[in-house]
Every structure is written in structure tokens, then in C-alpha cells.
Amino acid sequence: MTTVGPAPTLLELLDLERIDRDLFRACTVFEEEHALFGGQVAAQALLAAGRTVPEDRAPHSLHGYYLRGGHSSRPTVFQVHRDRDGRSFTARRVVAIQDGEVIFNMAASFAVDQGGPDISVDPVPEAPDPDTLPGAPVPRVFGFEGRTVTTHPGARSYPVRYWTRCTEPLADEPLVHASALTYISDMFGAFPPVAGGVPGPSLDHALWFHRPVRADEWMLIDLVPRSAAGGRNWYTGTLHDRTGRHVASLTQECLFREPRP
């Protein structure tokens, strides 16, 4: 286990130790006042799953559930289950464990690139070039920078459309870039606080990878609130690269209620 200071790099977070054939451990731990960042455990789970998949297959979707709050100061173990290895698709399930308890589980699917039609229906969200915008903080996230385009009305510091990229050069490996994209995709939500509802921890998260993308180049994330009811809020989002290609889509549900005393 490697203990580091308060600011590990993204590559350190994605450095998983292979304990056994389908068993991995996140070796980088650090002290933080909040619960383990959901994007971190999701990115590590996807990476663990991908390490058991043939190299000709890249992730095309993932669906994860956050079950318990984790701790960044403790190592996380990832158990991968090999559900299916087909000619075109590979299915994996991953369970993330801390102190003997499951904190997160994920189903992920990987596919061989088979070509075919390449169609995007929705228009690209409007945004100035990132080089023309001032830098904006990306709290709790290591190795990423941001440029805010639009904030939610009534919440000036709460971006719903923003440019982001990894500041660390990443290897030419689609799995690493997909894991980095997964890491940043859990950063912000789309609902500001309202009477009786305050955004809380993530409950579940889904991500679809449509086209190859480099996470160390600018990506435009656009989040749209959809529904809030039953103490939960749900929103969707898209990710486009700098050329306007629709590279990924996401949806997420979070707690949305008054904090407990």
C-alpha cells in the first residue's frame, strides 16, 4: 500500500495492484474529510474490469450503484466476475469492497469495434473555445482542469456546461481514457438546492462510450436536470470533444432532500 499526501495524481489513483486473476486493489490512499469520491471508485472498477478483457475490446457502457460511503484513507479491493466472453461483446461485473463490505458494484460491457453508420442526431451544445475562458476549479478531482461555460440559475458556482481535460498525459490505451472520463463524469450534478431538497451523494450512475476520446484533451460536458421526486434527483448529460463529436452520454441519480441534523 502506498500512502501519499493530500494530492495524488490521476495516474496514481488508476494504478491497481493485481492480487489474483480477477482480484485487484487500489494502492493509493490519502486523507480527505469527505466520503470516497464516487467517480474514483467507478473509474477504478472499470479499469479492473478492463484488465480482464482482450485488448481488442473497449468499454461501451457501464452501470453502477453506490451502496455505502467509502473512505479514501483505506484501500479498496475490486472483485471482477466474468459473466460472458462472446465474439463481439464481453460482460463483466465488479464489486468494490472496503473492510469486508461492498461499497459499490458495477456491470460493464466491452465491444470489438465493428464500424457501421456514424450518426449524431442532437446538436452540439454551444460553448466558446476553452482557450478563451478563464480557469475554473474542479474540486476534489485530481489531475483535471476546467473552464465553466454555463452555471445553473441561482447557483453561480454550480456549472452545468463546462470544458474539462486531464492535465496529465495519458497512454494511448482506450481503457485508460475511458476510466479517466468515468472519473470526471461524476463531478457535478444538474440540480441546485431548493426548498426541501439539497443535492446529496450519488445513488447510481450510467455511462455510454459512443466514440473514442482522449481524456487529456478538452471535452465539453453538458448536464440537463430531468426530474426530482421521492428524495432523489435525476439528470442526463452528454460529452463532446473539441471538434464537436458526441463521444459519450451519462445519466445519474442522487439523493435530493434536506440533510439530516
C-alpha atoms as a PDB file:
ATOM      1  CA  MET A   1       0.000   0.000   0.000  1.00  0.00           C
ATOM      2  CA  THR A   2       1.278   3.469  -0.875  1.00  0.00           C
ATOM      3  CA  THR A   3       0.382   6.380   1.364  1.00  0.00           C
ATOM      4  CA  VAL A   4       0.607   9.778  -0.297  1.00  0.00           C
ATOM      5  CA  GLY A   5      -0.130  13.362   0.620  1.00  0.00           C
ATOM      6  CA  PRO A   6      -3.361  15.227   0.007  1.00  0.00           C
ATOM      7  CA  ALA A   7      -2.928  15.454  -3.763  1.00  0.00           C
ATOM      8  CA  PRO A   8      -2.253  12.172  -5.584  1.00  0.00           C
ATOM      9  CA  THR A   9      -2.166  12.190  -9.353  1.00  0.00           C
ATOM     10  CA  LEU A  10      -4.832  10.591 -11.502  1.00  0.00           C
ATOM     11  CA  LEU A  11      -2.318   8.028 -12.727  1.00  0.00           C
ATOM     12  CA  GLU A  12      -1.596   7.061  -9.130  1.00  0.00           C
ATOM     13  CA  LEU A  13      -5.321   6.589  -8.495  1.00  0.00           C
ATOM     14  CA  LEU A  14      -5.552   4.369 -11.582  1.00  0.00           C
ATOM     15  CA  ASP A  15      -2.572   2.254 -10.538  1.00  0.00           C
ATOM     16  CA  LEU A  16      -4.210  -1.024  -9.473  1.00  0.00           C
ATOM     17  CA  GLU A  17      -2.328  -3.928  -7.947  1.00  0.00           C
ATOM     18  CA  ARG A  18      -3.313  -7.307  -9.347  1.00  0.00           C
ATOM     19  CA  ILE A  19      -3.680  -9.611  -6.348  1.00  0.00           C
ATOM     20  CA  ASP A  20      -5.051 -12.604  -8.222  1.00  0.00           C
ATOM     21  CA  ARG A  21      -6.533 -13.448 -11.625  1.00  0.00           C
ATOM     22  CA  ASP A  22      -9.721 -11.397 -11.085  1.00  0.00           C
ATOM     23  CA  LEU A  23      -8.848  -9.553  -7.885  1.00  0.00           C
ATOM     24  CA  PHE A  24      -7.373  -6.052  -7.781  1.00  0.00           C
ATOM     25  CA  ARG A  25      -6.520  -3.469  -5.130  1.00  0.00           C
ATOM     26  CA  ALA A  26      -6.264   0.312  -5.314  1.00  0.00           C
ATOM     27  CA  CYS A  27      -2.891   1.057  -3.761  1.00  0.00           C
ATOM     28  CA  THR A  28      -3.048   4.858  -3.389  1.00  0.00           C
ATOM     29  CA  VAL A  29      -4.716   6.139  -0.230  1.00  0.00           C
ATOM     30  CA  PHE A  30      -4.909   9.641   1.233  1.00  0.00           C
ATOM     31  CA  GLU A  31      -6.712  11.598   3.922  1.00  0.00           C
ATOM     32  CA  GLU A  32      -9.859  13.504   2.979  1.00  0.00           C
ATOM     33  CA  GLU A  33     -12.706  14.920   5.053  1.00  0.00           C
ATOM     34  CA  HIS A  34     -15.426  13.670   2.706  1.00  0.00           C
ATOM     35  CA  ALA A  35     -16.528  10.170   1.779  1.00  0.00           C
ATOM     36  CA  LEU A  36     -14.663   8.459  -1.065  1.00  0.00           C
ATOM     37  CA  PHE A  37     -15.365  10.287  -4.337  1.00  0.00           C
ATOM     38  CA  GLY A  38     -17.786   8.229  -6.420  1.00  0.00           C
ATOM     39  CA  GLY A  39     -16.009   8.948  -9.684  1.00  0.00           C
ATOM     40  CA  GLN A  40     -12.814   7.478  -8.263  1.00  0.00           C
ATOM     41  CA  VAL A  41     -14.270   4.106  -7.288  1.00  0.00           C
ATOM     42  CA  ALA A  42     -16.223   3.894 -10.570  1.00  0.00           C
ATOM     43  CA  ALA A  43     -13.109   4.638 -12.645  1.00  0.00           C
ATOM     44  CA  GLN A  44     -11.088   2.069 -10.721  1.00  0.00           C
ATOM     45  CA  ALA A  45     -13.852  -0.550 -11.085  1.00  0.00           C
ATOM     46  CA  LEU A  46     -13.974  -0.022 -14.852  1.00  0.00           C
ATOM     47  CA  LEU A  47     -10.210  -0.282 -15.063  1.00  0.00           C
ATOM     48  CA  ALA A  48     -10.218  -3.516 -13.051  1.00  0.00           C
ATOM     49  CA  ALA A  49     -12.888  -4.995 -15.341  1.00  0.00           C
ATOM     50  CA  GLY A  50     -10.975  -3.934 -18.427  1.00  0.00           C
ATOM     51  CA  ARG A  51      -7.804  -5.656 -17.225  1.00  0.00           C
ATOM     52  CA  THR A  52      -9.618  -8.990 -17.630  1.00  0.00           C
ATOM     53  CA  VAL A  53     -10.818  -8.274 -21.191  1.00  0.00           C
ATOM     54  CA  PRO A  54      -8.980  -8.947 -24.508  1.00  0.00           C
ATOM     55  CA  GLU A  55      -7.107  -5.902 -25.789  1.00  0.00           C
ATOM     56  CA  ASP A  56      -9.257  -5.623 -28.926  1.00  0.00           C
ATOM     57  CA  ARG A  57     -12.332  -4.661 -26.837  1.00  0.00           C
ATOM     58  CA  ALA A  58     -13.017  -1.233 -25.381  1.00  0.00           C
ATOM     59  CA  PRO A  59     -15.762  -0.334 -22.879  1.00  0.00           C
ATOM     60  CA  HIS A  60     -19.016   0.848 -24.426  1.00  0.00           C
ATOM     61  CA  SER A  61     -21.227   1.105 -21.324  1.00  0.00           C
ATOM     62  CA  LEU A  62     -21.271   0.830 -17.547  1.00  0.00           C
ATOM     63  CA  HIS A  63     -23.962   0.876 -14.877  1.00  0.00           C
ATOM     64  CA  GLY A  64     -23.003   1.306 -11.230  1.00  0.00           C
ATOM     65  CA  TYR A  65     -24.689   1.563  -7.824  1.00  0.00           C
ATOM     66  CA  TYR A  66     -23.218   3.331  -4.822  1.00  0.00           C
ATOM     67  CA  LEU A  67     -24.175   1.239  -1.783  1.00  0.00           C
ATOM     68  CA  ARG A  68     -22.106   2.611   1.107  1.00  0.00           C
ATOM     69  CA  GLY A  69     -19.827   5.553   1.710  1.00  0.00           C
ATOM     70  CA  GLY A  70     -16.189   4.601   1.250  1.00  0.00           C
ATOM     71  CA  HIS A  71     -13.024   6.078   2.730  1.00  0.00           C
ATOM     72  CA  SER A  72     -10.141   7.480   0.716  1.00  0.00           C
ATOM     73  CA  SER A  73      -7.742   6.596   3.547  1.00  0.00           C
ATOM     74  CA  ARG A  74      -8.416   2.852   3.150  1.00  0.00           C
ATOM     75  CA  PRO A  75      -7.543   0.563   0.237  1.00  0.00           C
ATOM     76  CA  THR A  76     -10.384  -0.682  -1.970  1.00  0.00           C
ATOM     77  CA  VAL A  77     -10.458  -4.240  -3.306  1.00  0.00           C
ATOM     78  CA  PHE A  78     -12.160  -4.979  -6.644  1.00  0.00           C
ATOM     79  CA  GLN A  79     -13.533  -8.449  -7.394  1.00  0.00           C
ATOM     80  CA  VAL A  80     -14.250  -8.998 -11.095  1.00  0.00           C
ATOM     81  CA  HIS A  81     -16.800 -11.581 -12.272  1.00  0.00           C
ATOM     82  CA  ARG A  82     -16.522 -12.839 -15.866  1.00  0.00           C
ATOM     83  CA  ASP A  83     -20.151 -13.087 -16.955  1.00  0.00           C
ATOM     84  CA  ARG A  84     -19.627 -13.633 -20.658  1.00  0.00           C
ATOM     85  CA  ASP A  85     -16.990 -13.637 -23.378  1.00  0.00           C
ATOM     86  CA  GLY A  86     -18.681 -13.567 -26.792  1.00  0.00           C
ATOM     87  CA  ARG A  87     -17.390 -12.995 -30.293  1.00  0.00           C
ATOM     88  CA  SER A  88     -18.271  -9.273 -30.246  1.00  0.00           C
ATOM     89  CA  PHE A  89     -19.125  -8.404 -26.634  1.00  0.00           C
ATOM     90  CA  THR A  90     -17.623  -9.103 -23.222  1.00  0.00           C
ATOM     91  CA  ALA A  91     -19.598  -8.639 -19.996  1.00  0.00           C
ATOM     92  CA  ARG A  92     -18.087  -8.089 -16.554  1.00  0.00           C
ATOM     93  CA  ARG A  93     -19.417  -7.380 -13.079  1.00  0.00           C
ATOM     94  CA  VAL A  94     -17.250  -5.701 -10.443  1.00  0.00           C
ATOM     95  CA  VAL A  95     -17.732  -5.486  -6.684  1.00  0.00           C
ATOM     96  CA  ALA A  96     -15.759  -2.855  -4.741  1.00  0.00           C
ATOM     97  CA  ILE A  97     -15.053  -3.797  -1.128  1.00  0.00           C
ATOM     98  CA  GLN A  98     -13.731  -1.945   1.905  1.00  0.00           C
ATOM     99  CA  ASP A  99     -13.429  -3.532   5.365  1.00  0.00           C
ATOM    100  CA  GLY A 100     -15.321  -6.599   4.166  1.00  0.00           C
ATOM    101  CA  GLU A 101     -18.370  -4.617   2.968  1.00  0.00           C
ATOM    102  CA  VAL A 102     -19.498  -3.855  -0.568  1.00  0.00           C
ATOM    103  CA  ILE A 103     -19.453  -0.099  -1.205  1.00  0.00           C
ATOM    104  CA  PHE A 104     -20.095  -0.142  -4.976  1.00  0.00           C
ATOM    105  CA  ASN A 105     -20.987  -2.565  -7.728  1.00  0.00           C
ATOM    106  CA  MET A 106     -20.843  -2.196 -11.484  1.00  0.00           C
ATOM    107  CA  ALA A 107     -21.858  -4.001 -14.653  1.00  0.00           C
ATOM    108  CA  ALA A 108     -19.670  -3.104 -17.621  1.00  0.00           C
ATOM    109  CA  SER A 109     -19.742  -4.187 -21.247  1.00  0.00           C
ATOM    110  CA  PHE A 110     -16.889  -4.170 -23.751  1.00  0.00           C
ATOM    111  CA  ALA A 111     -17.102  -4.500 -27.523  1.00  0.00           C
ATOM    112  CA  VAL A 112     -14.999  -5.017 -30.632  1.00  0.00           C
ATOM    113  CA  ASP A 113     -15.103  -2.016 -32.978  1.00  0.00           C
ATOM    114  CA  GLN A 114     -17.246  -3.216 -35.888  1.00  0.00           C
ATOM    115  CA  GLY A 115     -17.635   0.009 -37.839  1.00  0.00           C
ATOM    116  CA  GLY A 116     -21.007   0.782 -39.394  1.00  0.00           C
ATOM    117  CA  PRO A 117     -23.088   4.008 -39.603  1.00  0.00           C
ATOM    118  CA  ASP A 118     -21.810   7.002 -37.624  1.00  0.00           C
ATOM    119  CA  ILE A 119     -24.742   9.312 -36.843  1.00  0.00           C
ATOM    120  CA  SER A 120     -25.285  12.069 -34.275  1.00  0.00           C
ATOM    121  CA  VAL A 121     -28.818  13.499 -34.021  1.00  0.00           C
ATOM    122  CA  ASP A 122     -28.705  16.158 -31.306  1.00  0.00           C
ATOM    123  CA  PRO A 123     -26.957  19.477 -31.986  1.00  0.00           C
ATOM    124  CA  VAL A 124     -23.643  20.195 -30.300  1.00  0.00           C
ATOM    125  CA  PRO A 125     -24.116  22.380 -27.171  1.00  0.00           C
ATOM    126  CA  GLU A 126     -22.975  25.947 -27.788  1.00  0.00           C
ATOM    127  CA  ALA A 127     -19.775  26.896 -25.999  1.00  0.00           C
ATOM    128  CA  PRO A 128     -16.858  29.298 -26.547  1.00  0.00           C
ATOM    129  CA  ASP A 129     -13.476  27.806 -27.281  1.00  0.00           C
ATOM    130  CA  PRO A 130     -11.934  26.693 -23.956  1.00  0.00           C
ATOM    131  CA  ASP A 131      -8.769  28.708 -24.602  1.00  0.00           C
ATOM    132  CA  THR A 132     -10.859  31.899 -24.453  1.00  0.00           C
ATOM    133  CA  LEU A 133     -12.308  31.127 -20.995  1.00  0.00           C
ATOM    134  CA  PRO A 134     -10.755  31.646 -17.554  1.00  0.00           C
ATOM    135  CA  GLY A 135      -9.767  28.639 -15.499  1.00  0.00           C
ATOM    136  CA  ALA A 136     -12.293  27.242 -13.044  1.00  0.00           C
ATOM    137  CA  PRO A 137     -11.614  24.953 -10.067  1.00  0.00           C
ATOM    138  CA  VAL A 138     -12.619  21.300 -10.223  1.00  0.00           C
ATOM    139  CA  PRO A 139     -12.986  20.491  -6.506  1.00  0.00           C
ATOM    140  CA  ARG A 140     -11.913  17.106  -5.127  1.00  0.00           C
ATOM    141  CA  VAL A 141     -10.717  15.904  -8.520  1.00  0.00           C
ATOM    142  CA  PHE A 142      -7.015  15.254  -9.069  1.00  0.00           C
ATOM    143  CA  GLY A 143      -5.298  15.845 -12.390  1.00  0.00           C
ATOM    144  CA  PHE A 144      -8.126  17.753 -14.138  1.00  0.00           C
ATOM    145  CA  GLU A 145      -8.703  21.387 -15.030  1.00  0.00           C
ATOM    146  CA  GLY A 146     -11.928  23.097 -16.066  1.00  0.00           C
ATOM    147  CA  ARG A 147     -13.482  26.047 -17.911  1.00  0.00           C
ATOM    148  CA  THR A 148     -17.038  26.977 -16.933  1.00  0.00           C
ATOM    149  CA  VAL A 149     -19.418  27.855 -19.775  1.00  0.00           C
ATOM    150  CA  THR A 150     -22.826  27.968 -18.042  1.00  0.00           C
ATOM    151  CA  THR A 151     -23.872  27.782 -14.407  1.00  0.00           C
ATOM    152  CA  HIS A 152     -27.284  26.872 -13.068  1.00  0.00           C
ATOM    153  CA  PRO A 153     -29.557  29.902 -12.453  1.00  0.00           C
ATOM    154  CA  GLY A 154     -29.376  30.796  -8.785  1.00  0.00           C
ATOM    155  CA  ALA A 155     -26.156  28.862  -8.242  1.00  0.00           C
ATOM    156  CA  ARG A 156     -23.331  30.871  -9.735  1.00  0.00           C
ATOM    157  CA  SER A 157     -20.587  28.398  -8.837  1.00  0.00           C
ATOM    158  CA  TYR A 158     -22.504  25.322  -9.941  1.00  0.00           C
ATOM    159  CA  PRO A 159     -21.551  24.532 -13.559  1.00  0.00           C
ATOM    160  CA  VAL A 160     -23.916  22.593 -15.815  1.00  0.00           C
ATOM    161  CA  ARG A 161     -21.892  23.122 -19.017  1.00  0.00           C
ATOM    162  CA  TYR A 162     -18.127  23.157 -18.828  1.00  0.00           C
ATOM    163  CA  TRP A 163     -14.922  22.161 -20.569  1.00  0.00           C
ATOM    164  CA  THR A 164     -12.572  19.807 -18.789  1.00  0.00           C
ATOM    165  CA  ARG A 165      -9.456  17.785 -19.519  1.00  0.00           C
ATOM    166  CA  CYS A 166      -6.863  15.715 -17.722  1.00  0.00           C
ATOM    167  CA  THR A 167      -3.663  17.691 -17.191  1.00  0.00           C
ATOM    168  CA  GLU A 168      -1.541  14.530 -17.100  1.00  0.00           C
ATOM    169  CA  PRO A 169      -0.522  12.918 -20.412  1.00  0.00           C
ATOM    170  CA  LEU A 170      -2.286   9.580 -20.710  1.00  0.00           C
ATOM    171  CA  ALA A 171      -1.111   6.475 -22.520  1.00  0.00           C
ATOM    172  CA  ASP A 172      -2.584   5.563 -25.907  1.00  0.00           C
ATOM    173  CA  GLU A 173      -4.892   2.999 -24.310  1.00  0.00           C
ATOM    174  CA  PRO A 174      -8.690   3.386 -24.773  1.00  0.00           C
ATOM    175  CA  LEU A 175      -9.375   1.768 -21.381  1.00  0.00           C
ATOM    176  CA  VAL A 176      -7.298   4.393 -19.540  1.00  0.00           C
ATOM    177  CA  HIS A 177      -9.068   7.263 -21.314  1.00  0.00           C
ATOM    178  CA  ALA A 178     -12.492   5.696 -20.635  1.00  0.00           C
ATOM    179  CA  SER A 179     -11.558   5.317 -16.959  1.00  0.00           C
ATOM    180  CA  ALA A 180     -10.425   8.948 -16.773  1.00  0.00           C
ATOM    181  CA  LEU A 181     -13.672  10.050 -18.417  1.00  0.00           C
ATOM    182  CA  THR A 182     -15.618   7.968 -15.878  1.00  0.00           C
ATOM    183  CA  TYR A 183     -13.694   9.667 -13.075  1.00  0.00           C
ATOM    184  CA  ILE A 184     -14.640  13.202 -14.149  1.00  0.00           C
ATOM    185  CA  SER A 185     -18.218  12.315 -15.215  1.00  0.00           C
ATOM    186  CA  ASP A 186     -19.331  12.088 -11.567  1.00  0.00           C
ATOM    187  CA  MET A 187     -18.010  15.531 -10.634  1.00  0.00           C
ATOM    188  CA  PHE A 188     -21.064  17.819 -10.809  1.00  0.00           C
ATOM    189  CA  GLY A 189     -24.830  17.405 -10.721  1.00  0.00           C
ATOM    190  CA  ALA A 190     -27.537  19.350 -12.525  1.00  0.00           C
ATOM    191  CA  PHE A 191     -29.825  20.375  -9.661  1.00  0.00           C
ATOM    192  CA  PRO A 192     -29.133  23.360  -7.375  1.00  0.00           C
ATOM    193  CA  PRO A 193     -30.511  23.371  -3.810  1.00  0.00           C
ATOM    194  CA  VAL A 194     -34.207  24.232  -3.448  1.00  0.00           C
ATOM    195  CA  ALA A 195     -36.598  24.403  -0.505  1.00  0.00           C
ATOM    196  CA  GLY A 196     -36.786  20.892   0.911  1.00  0.00           C
ATOM    197  CA  GLY A 197     -34.078  19.478  -1.337  1.00  0.00           C
ATOM    198  CA  VAL A 198     -30.288  19.635  -1.270  1.00  0.00           C
ATOM    199  CA  PRO A 199     -28.135  17.588  -3.681  1.00  0.00           C
ATOM    200  CA  GLY A 200     -26.526  14.662  -1.889  1.00  0.00           C
ATOM    201  CA  PRO A 201     -24.457  11.564  -2.624  1.00  0.00           C
ATOM    202  CA  SER A 202     -24.745   9.673  -5.878  1.00  0.00           C
ATOM    203  CA  LEU A 203     -27.034   6.649  -5.883  1.00  0.00           C
ATOM    204  CA  ASP A 204     -26.457   5.210  -9.341  1.00  0.00           C
ATOM    205  CA  HIS A 205     -24.547   6.179 -12.431  1.00  0.00           C
ATOM    206  CA  ALA A 206     -24.572   5.035 -16.045  1.00  0.00           C
ATOM    207  CA  LEU A 207     -22.235   5.951 -18.865  1.00  0.00           C
ATOM    208  CA  TRP A 208     -22.149   5.096 -22.579  1.00  0.00           C
ATOM    209  CA  PHE A 209     -18.994   5.478 -24.679  1.00  0.00           C
ATOM    210  CA  HIS A 210     -20.051   6.193 -28.264  1.00  0.00           C
ATOM    211  CA  ARG A 211     -16.765   7.125 -29.921  1.00  0.00           C
ATOM    212  CA  PRO A 212     -13.070   7.100 -28.971  1.00  0.00           C
ATOM    213  CA  VAL A 213     -11.921  10.129 -26.991  1.00  0.00           C
ATOM    214  CA  ARG A 214      -8.759  11.369 -25.365  1.00  0.00           C
ATOM    215  CA  ALA A 215      -9.448  12.498 -21.804  1.00  0.00           C
ATOM    216  CA  ASP A 216      -6.234  14.559 -21.841  1.00  0.00           C
ATOM    217  CA  GLU A 217      -7.781  16.816 -24.490  1.00  0.00           C
ATOM    218  CA  TRP A 218     -10.695  19.223 -23.990  1.00  0.00           C
ATOM    219  CA  MET A 219     -14.150  17.659 -23.521  1.00  0.00           C
ATOM    220  CA  LEU A 220     -17.414  19.613 -23.230  1.00  0.00           C
ATOM    221  CA  ILE A 221     -19.776  18.243 -20.574  1.00  0.00           C
ATOM    222  CA  ASP A 222     -23.400  19.388 -20.734  1.00  0.00           C
ATOM    223  CA  LEU A 223     -25.759  18.395 -17.881  1.00  0.00           C
ATOM    224  CA  VAL A 224     -29.561  18.676 -18.010  1.00  0.00           C
ATOM    225  CA  PRO A 225     -31.846  18.271 -14.943  1.00  0.00           C
ATOM    226  CA  ARG A 226     -34.782  15.972 -15.662  1.00  0.00           C
ATOM    227  CA  SER A 227     -36.721  15.092 -12.505  1.00  0.00           C
ATOM    228  CA  ALA A 228     -36.709  15.436  -8.727  1.00  0.00           C
ATOM    229  CA  ALA A 229     -39.099  13.367  -6.623  1.00  0.00           C
ATOM    230  CA  GLY A 230     -39.099  10.933  -3.738  1.00  0.00           C
ATOM    231  CA  GLY A 231     -35.968  12.405  -2.196  1.00  0.00           C
ATOM    232  CA  ARG A 232     -33.965  11.805  -5.402  1.00  0.00           C
ATOM    233  CA  ASN A 233     -32.960  13.853  -8.430  1.00  0.00           C
ATOM    234  CA  TRP A 234     -32.141  12.519 -11.884  1.00  0.00           C
ATOM    235  CA  TYR A 235     -30.270  14.185 -14.707  1.00  0.00           C
ATOM    236  CA  THR A 236     -28.671  13.341 -18.028  1.00  0.00           C
ATOM    237  CA  GLY A 237     -25.588  14.612 -19.781  1.00  0.00           C
ATOM    238  CA  THR A 238     -23.502  14.494 -22.922  1.00  0.00           C
ATOM    239  CA  LEU A 239     -19.799  14.777 -23.613  1.00  0.00           C
ATOM    240  CA  HIS A 240     -18.395  16.190 -26.849  1.00  0.00           C
ATOM    241  CA  ASP A 241     -14.795  16.591 -27.889  1.00  0.00           C
ATOM    242  CA  ARG A 242     -13.347  19.845 -29.152  1.00  0.00           C
ATOM    243  CA  THR A 243     -14.281  19.052 -32.756  1.00  0.00           C
ATOM    244  CA  GLY A 244     -17.953  18.555 -31.813  1.00  0.00           C
ATOM    245  CA  ARG A 245     -18.019  14.750 -31.875  1.00  0.00           C
ATOM    246  CA  HIS A 246     -20.517  13.234 -29.434  1.00  0.00           C
ATOM    247  CA  VAL A 247     -18.191  10.894 -27.536  1.00  0.00           C
ATOM    248  CA  ALA A 248     -20.243   9.809 -24.502  1.00  0.00           C
ATOM    249  CA  SER A 249     -23.557  10.131 -22.651  1.00  0.00           C
ATOM    250  CA  LEU A 250     -24.362   9.793 -18.969  1.00  0.00           C
ATOM    251  CA  THR A 251     -27.251   9.670 -16.566  1.00  0.00           C
ATOM    252  CA  GLN A 252     -27.182   9.821 -12.794  1.00  0.00           C
ATOM    253  CA  GLU A 253     -29.498   9.781  -9.788  1.00  0.00           C
ATOM    254  CA  CYS A 254     -28.574  11.392  -6.467  1.00  0.00           C
ATOM    255  CA  LEU A 255     -30.141  11.949  -3.094  1.00  0.00           C
ATOM    256  CA  PHE A 256     -32.144  15.183  -3.012  1.00  0.00           C
ATOM    257  CA  ARG A 257     -33.502  16.011   0.441  1.00  0.00           C
ATOM    258  CA  GLU A 258     -32.791  18.095   3.486  1.00  0.00           C
ATOM    259  CA  PRO A 259     -29.602  16.957   5.235  1.00  0.00           C
ATOM    260  CA  ARG A 260     -30.077  15.035   8.454  1.00  0.00           C
ATOM    261  CA  PRO A 261     -29.428  17.041  11.624  1.00  0.00           C
END
